[in-house]
Amino acid sequence: MAKALLGHVGGPDPRMVAEMRRLQQRVRDLEAELVRLQAENDALATAANGDVISLGVKDREPALT
């Protein structure tokens, strides 16, 4: 029964270990990309804040009259 649960007696399957390592590397790459894109987005948002004219509620015009 234990052999069936673990797969086989010979230890972990090398293909499965290689796939697990590949997936772990992919996750690390995606996390690094996410951090890079968030930093880029924050920089763009900060730069755009000076260029955007914000209107108060009283200054807005109705969409339809």
N, C-alpha and C. Protein backbone atom coordinates (compact mmCIF):
# COMPACT_ATOMS: atom_id res chain seq x y z
N MET A 1 0.82 -1.19 0.00
CA MET A 1 0.00 0.00 0.00
C MET A 1 0.86 1.25 0.00
N ALA A 2 1.88 1.30 0.83
CA ALA A 2 2.76 2.47 0.89
C ALA A 2 3.48 2.67 -0.44
N LYS A 3 3.87 1.57 -1.09
CA LYS A 3 4.53 1.68 -2.39
C LYS A 3 3.61 2.32 -3.41
N ALA A 4 2.35 1.99 -3.36
CA ALA A 4 1.39 2.56 -4.30
C ALA A 4 1.21 4.06 -4.06
N LEU A 5 1.24 4.47 -2.81
CA LEU A 5 1.08 5.88 -2.50
C LEU A 5 2.31 6.70 -2.89
N LEU A 6 3.48 6.14 -2.73
CA LEU A 6 4.71 6.85 -3.03
C LEU A 6 5.13 6.71 -4.49
N GLY A 7 4.56 5.82 -5.22
CA GLY A 7 4.91 5.65 -6.62
C GLY A 7 5.74 4.41 -6.82
N HIS A 8 6.92 4.37 -6.29
CA HIS A 8 7.77 3.19 -6.36
C HIS A 8 8.87 3.30 -5.31
N VAL A 9 9.61 2.22 -5.15
CA VAL A 9 10.62 2.15 -4.09
C VAL A 9 11.88 2.92 -4.47
N GLY A 10 12.13 3.11 -5.76
CA GLY A 10 13.38 3.68 -6.23
C GLY A 10 13.60 5.14 -5.94
N GLY A 11 12.74 5.81 -5.25
CA GLY A 11 12.91 7.22 -4.96
C GLY A 11 12.09 8.07 -5.92
N PRO A 12 12.28 9.36 -5.87
CA PRO A 12 11.49 10.26 -6.72
C PRO A 12 11.84 10.08 -8.20
N ASP A 13 10.85 10.24 -9.03
CA ASP A 13 11.02 10.13 -10.47
C ASP A 13 11.84 11.33 -10.97
N PRO A 14 12.93 11.10 -11.68
CA PRO A 14 13.77 12.22 -12.14
C PRO A 14 13.01 13.20 -13.05
N ARG A 15 12.07 12.69 -13.83
CA ARG A 15 11.28 13.57 -14.68
C ARG A 15 10.40 14.49 -13.85
N MET A 16 9.84 13.95 -12.78
CA MET A 16 8.99 14.76 -11.91
C MET A 16 9.83 15.81 -11.18
N VAL A 17 11.02 15.42 -10.75
CA VAL A 17 11.91 16.37 -10.06
C VAL A 17 12.31 17.49 -11.02
N ALA A 18 12.64 17.13 -12.26
CA ALA A 18 13.01 18.14 -13.26
C ALA A 18 11.84 19.07 -13.55
N GLU A 19 10.64 18.52 -13.67
CA GLU A 19 9.46 19.34 -13.92
C GLU A 19 9.18 20.26 -12.75
N MET A 20 9.34 19.77 -11.54
CA MET A 20 9.13 20.59 -10.34
C MET A 20 10.11 21.75 -10.31
N ARG A 21 11.38 21.48 -10.63
CA ARG A 21 12.38 22.54 -10.65
C ARG A 21 12.07 23.57 -11.73
N ARG A 22 11.62 23.09 -12.89
CA ARG A 22 11.27 24.00 -13.99
C ARG A 22 10.11 24.90 -13.57
N LEU A 23 9.11 24.32 -12.93
CA LEU A 23 7.96 25.10 -12.49
C LEU A 23 8.33 26.09 -11.39
N GLN A 24 9.19 25.68 -10.48
CA GLN A 24 9.64 26.59 -9.43
C GLN A 24 10.40 27.77 -10.02
N GLN A 25 11.24 27.51 -11.03
CA GLN A 25 11.96 28.59 -11.69
C GLN A 25 10.99 29.51 -12.42
N ARG A 26 9.97 28.94 -13.05
CA ARG A 26 8.97 29.75 -13.75
C ARG A 26 8.24 30.66 -12.77
N VAL A 27 7.90 30.14 -11.60
CA VAL A 27 7.23 30.95 -10.57
C VAL A 27 8.14 32.09 -10.13
N ARG A 28 9.42 31.80 -9.91
CA ARG A 28 10.36 32.85 -9.52
C ARG A 28 10.47 33.92 -10.61
N ASP A 29 10.52 33.49 -11.87
CA ASP A 29 10.59 34.44 -12.99
C ASP A 29 9.34 35.32 -13.04
N LEU A 30 8.18 34.71 -12.86
CA LEU A 30 6.93 35.47 -12.89
C LEU A 30 6.83 36.44 -11.72
N GLU A 31 7.29 36.03 -10.55
CA GLU A 31 7.28 36.93 -9.40
C GLU A 31 8.21 38.12 -9.62
N ALA A 32 9.37 37.87 -10.22
CA ALA A 32 10.30 38.96 -10.51
C ALA A 32 9.69 39.91 -11.54
N GLU A 33 9.02 39.36 -12.55
CA GLU A 33 8.35 40.19 -13.55
C GLU A 33 7.25 41.03 -12.92
N LEU A 34 6.51 40.44 -12.00
CA LEU A 34 5.45 41.17 -11.30
C LEU A 34 6.02 42.34 -10.52
N VAL A 35 7.11 42.12 -9.80
CA VAL A 35 7.74 43.20 -9.03
C VAL A 35 8.21 44.30 -9.97
N ARG A 36 8.81 43.92 -11.09
CA ARG A 36 9.31 44.91 -12.06
C ARG A 36 8.16 45.73 -12.63
N LEU A 37 7.06 45.06 -13.01
CA LEU A 37 5.92 45.76 -13.58
C LEU A 37 5.22 46.66 -12.57
N GLN A 38 5.15 46.22 -11.32
CA GLN A 38 4.56 47.06 -10.28
C GLN A 38 5.38 48.32 -10.06
N ALA A 39 6.71 48.17 -10.08
CA ALA A 39 7.57 49.34 -9.91
C ALA A 39 7.42 50.29 -11.10
N GLU A 40 7.35 49.73 -12.30
CA GLU A 40 7.16 50.55 -13.50
C GLU A 40 5.81 51.27 -13.45
N ASN A 41 4.78 50.56 -13.02
CA ASN A 41 3.45 51.15 -12.92
C ASN A 41 3.44 52.28 -11.88
N ASP A 42 4.07 52.05 -10.76
CA ASP A 42 4.13 53.09 -9.73
C ASP A 42 4.87 54.33 -10.24
N ALA A 43 5.95 54.11 -10.98
CA ALA A 43 6.70 55.25 -11.53
C ALA A 43 5.85 56.02 -12.53
N LEU A 44 5.12 55.30 -13.38
CA LEU A 44 4.26 55.97 -14.36
C LEU A 44 3.12 56.71 -13.68
N ALA A 45 2.56 56.13 -12.64
CA ALA A 45 1.46 56.78 -11.92
C ALA A 45 1.96 58.04 -11.22
N THR A 46 3.15 57.98 -10.66
CA THR A 46 3.71 59.16 -10.00
C THR A 46 3.98 60.26 -11.01
N ALA A 47 4.52 59.89 -12.16
CA ALA A 47 4.81 60.89 -13.20
C ALA A 47 3.52 61.48 -13.76
N ALA A 48 2.48 60.68 -13.87
CA ALA A 48 1.22 61.15 -14.44
C ALA A 48 0.44 62.02 -13.48
N ASN A 49 0.65 61.88 -12.19
CA ASN A 49 -0.10 62.68 -11.21
C ASN A 49 0.13 64.17 -11.40
N GLY A 50 1.30 64.58 -11.80
CA GLY A 50 1.57 65.99 -12.01
C GLY A 50 0.91 66.53 -13.27
N ASP A 51 0.62 65.64 -14.24
CA ASP A 51 0.07 66.07 -15.51
C ASP A 51 -1.46 66.06 -15.54
N VAL A 52 -2.08 65.41 -14.61
CA VAL A 52 -3.53 65.24 -14.64
C VAL A 52 -4.19 66.39 -13.88
N ILE A 53 -5.21 66.96 -14.49
CA ILE A 53 -5.98 68.01 -13.83
C ILE A 53 -7.16 67.34 -13.15
N SER A 54 -7.24 67.49 -11.86
CA SER A 54 -8.36 66.88 -11.16
C SER A 54 -9.46 67.92 -10.97
N LEU A 55 -10.66 67.50 -11.18
CA LEU A 55 -11.81 68.37 -11.01
C LEU A 55 -12.55 68.00 -9.74
N GLY A 56 -12.98 68.99 -9.03
CA GLY A 56 -13.78 68.74 -7.85
C GLY A 56 -15.19 68.36 -8.25
N VAL A 57 -15.97 67.92 -7.31
CA VAL A 57 -17.36 67.52 -7.59
C VAL A 57 -18.16 68.70 -8.12
N LYS A 58 -17.92 69.89 -7.60
CA LYS A 58 -18.68 71.07 -8.03
C LYS A 58 -18.34 71.49 -9.45
N ASP A 59 -17.12 71.17 -9.92
CA ASP A 59 -16.69 71.58 -11.25
C ASP A 59 -17.16 70.65 -12.35
N ARG A 60 -17.68 69.51 -12.02
CA ARG A 60 -18.10 68.54 -13.03
C ARG A 60 -19.40 68.97 -13.68
N GLU A 61 -19.51 68.66 -14.95
CA GLU A 61 -20.73 68.93 -15.69
C GLU A 61 -21.53 67.65 -15.84
N PRO A 62 -22.84 67.72 -15.87
CA PRO A 62 -23.62 66.50 -16.06
C PRO A 62 -23.38 65.93 -17.44
N ALA A 63 -23.43 64.61 -17.54
CA ALA A 63 -23.21 63.95 -18.82
C ALA A 63 -24.37 64.22 -19.77
N LEU A 64 -25.57 64.15 -19.28
CA LEU A 64 -26.76 64.41 -20.09
C LEU A 64 -27.65 65.42 -19.37
N THR A 65 -28.24 66.31 -20.14
CA THR A 65 -29.13 67.28 -19.50
C THR A 65 -30.55 67.13 -20.02
